Amino acid sequence: MTTLLRFLTRGVNHYQEVIEGLLERNLGISKYFSYIVIKSPFIKTHCPIERLFPHQH
């Protein structure tokens, strides 16, 4: 079975921590590939991240 996931992380180091955590849990991930998109040629509508993750004091 092939599954495609998209992650939103604080940065590359955080992404690596997330991936390593998933691999350590032995969830059945046999291999993974990472592609980092710096700038996309596609124009997409979006929701500001502040709306998804409001700053909490």
C-alpha atoms as a PDB file:
ATOM      1  CA  MET A   1       0.000   0.000   0.000  1.00  0.00           C
ATOM      2  CA  THR A   2       1.245   3.480  -0.846  1.00  0.00           C
ATOM      3  CA  THR A   3       0.203   6.455   1.256  1.00  0.00           C
ATOM      4  CA  LEU A   4       0.989  10.091   0.573  1.00  0.00           C
ATOM      5  CA  LEU A   5       1.256  12.454   3.528  1.00  0.00           C
ATOM      6  CA  ARG A   6       1.926  16.164   3.699  1.00  0.00           C
ATOM      7  CA  PHE A   7       3.488  17.668   6.818  1.00  0.00           C
ATOM      8  CA  LEU A   8       3.521  21.263   7.970  1.00  0.00           C
ATOM      9  CA  THR A   9       6.465  21.742  10.328  1.00  0.00           C
ATOM     10  CA  ARG A  10       8.391  24.603  11.892  1.00  0.00           C
ATOM     11  CA  GLY A  11      11.456  23.759   9.830  1.00  0.00           C
ATOM     12  CA  VAL A  12      13.647  20.990   8.478  1.00  0.00           C
ATOM     13  CA  ASN A  13      14.911  19.969  11.934  1.00  0.00           C
ATOM     14  CA  HIS A  14      11.359  19.664  13.261  1.00  0.00           C
ATOM     15  CA  TYR A  15      10.357  17.621  10.205  1.00  0.00           C
ATOM     16  CA  GLN A  16      13.278  15.254  10.844  1.00  0.00           C
ATOM     17  CA  GLU A  17      12.197  14.850  14.485  1.00  0.00           C
ATOM     18  CA  VAL A  18       8.654  13.997  13.385  1.00  0.00           C
ATOM     19  CA  ILE A  19       9.843  11.420  10.836  1.00  0.00           C
ATOM     20  CA  GLU A  20      12.282   9.806  13.273  1.00  0.00           C
ATOM     21  CA  GLY A  21       9.530   9.615  15.886  1.00  0.00           C
ATOM     22  CA  LEU A  22       7.233   7.839  13.433  1.00  0.00           C
ATOM     23  CA  LEU A  23       9.957   5.389  12.418  1.00  0.00           C
ATOM     24  CA  GLU A  24      10.829   4.600  16.059  1.00  0.00           C
ATOM     25  CA  ARG A  25       7.191   3.663  16.752  1.00  0.00           C
ATOM     26  CA  ASN A  26       7.451   0.726  14.306  1.00  0.00           C
ATOM     27  CA  LEU A  27       4.209   1.598  12.520  1.00  0.00           C
ATOM     28  CA  GLY A  28       5.137  -0.434   9.454  1.00  0.00           C
ATOM     29  CA  ILE A  29       6.875   2.307   7.475  1.00  0.00           C
ATOM     30  CA  SER A  30       9.323   0.423   5.263  1.00  0.00           C
ATOM     31  CA  LYS A  31      10.674   3.431   3.363  1.00  0.00           C
ATOM     32  CA  TYR A  32       9.998   7.110   2.905  1.00  0.00           C
ATOM     33  CA  PHE A  33      10.982   9.886   0.540  1.00  0.00           C
ATOM     34  CA  SER A  34      11.159  13.576   1.383  1.00  0.00           C
ATOM     35  CA  TYR A  35      10.658  16.466  -0.992  1.00  0.00           C
ATOM     36  CA  ILE A  36      10.917  20.031   0.264  1.00  0.00           C
ATOM     37  CA  VAL A  37       9.015  22.642  -1.719  1.00  0.00           C
ATOM     38  CA  ILE A  38      10.575  26.082  -1.373  1.00  0.00           C
ATOM     39  CA  LYS A  39       8.421  27.822  -3.948  1.00  0.00           C
ATOM     40  CA  SER A  40       5.561  26.345  -5.925  1.00  0.00           C
ATOM     41  CA  PRO A  41       4.664  27.451  -9.468  1.00  0.00           C
ATOM     42  CA  PHE A  42       0.999  26.835  -8.651  1.00  0.00           C
ATOM     43  CA  ILE A  43      -1.218  29.566  -7.254  1.00  0.00           C
ATOM     44  CA  LYS A  44      -3.315  28.103  -4.461  1.00  0.00           C
ATOM     45  CA  THR A  45      -5.935  29.582  -2.243  1.00  0.00           C
ATOM     46  CA  HIS A  46      -4.934  29.269   1.368  1.00  0.00           C
ATOM     47  CA  CYS A  47      -5.919  29.802   4.933  1.00  0.00           C
ATOM     48  CA  PRO A  48      -3.428  31.886   6.960  1.00  0.00           C
ATOM     49  CA  ILE A  49      -1.531  29.648   9.361  1.00  0.00           C
ATOM     50  CA  GLU A  50      -2.410  32.001  12.203  1.00  0.00           C
ATOM     51  CA  ARG A  51      -6.020  30.928  11.743  1.00  0.00           C
ATOM     52  CA  LEU A  52      -5.086  27.258  12.033  1.00  0.00           C
ATOM     53  CA  PHE A  53      -2.711  27.710  14.970  1.00  0.00           C
ATOM     54  CA  PRO A  54      -3.602  30.862  16.883  1.00  0.00           C
ATOM     55  CA  HIS A  55      -0.819  32.215  19.078  1.00  0.00           C
ATOM     56  CA  GLN A  56      -1.474  31.275  22.681  1.00  0.00           C
ATOM     57  CA  HIS A  57      -0.036  33.304  25.536  1.00  0.00           C
END
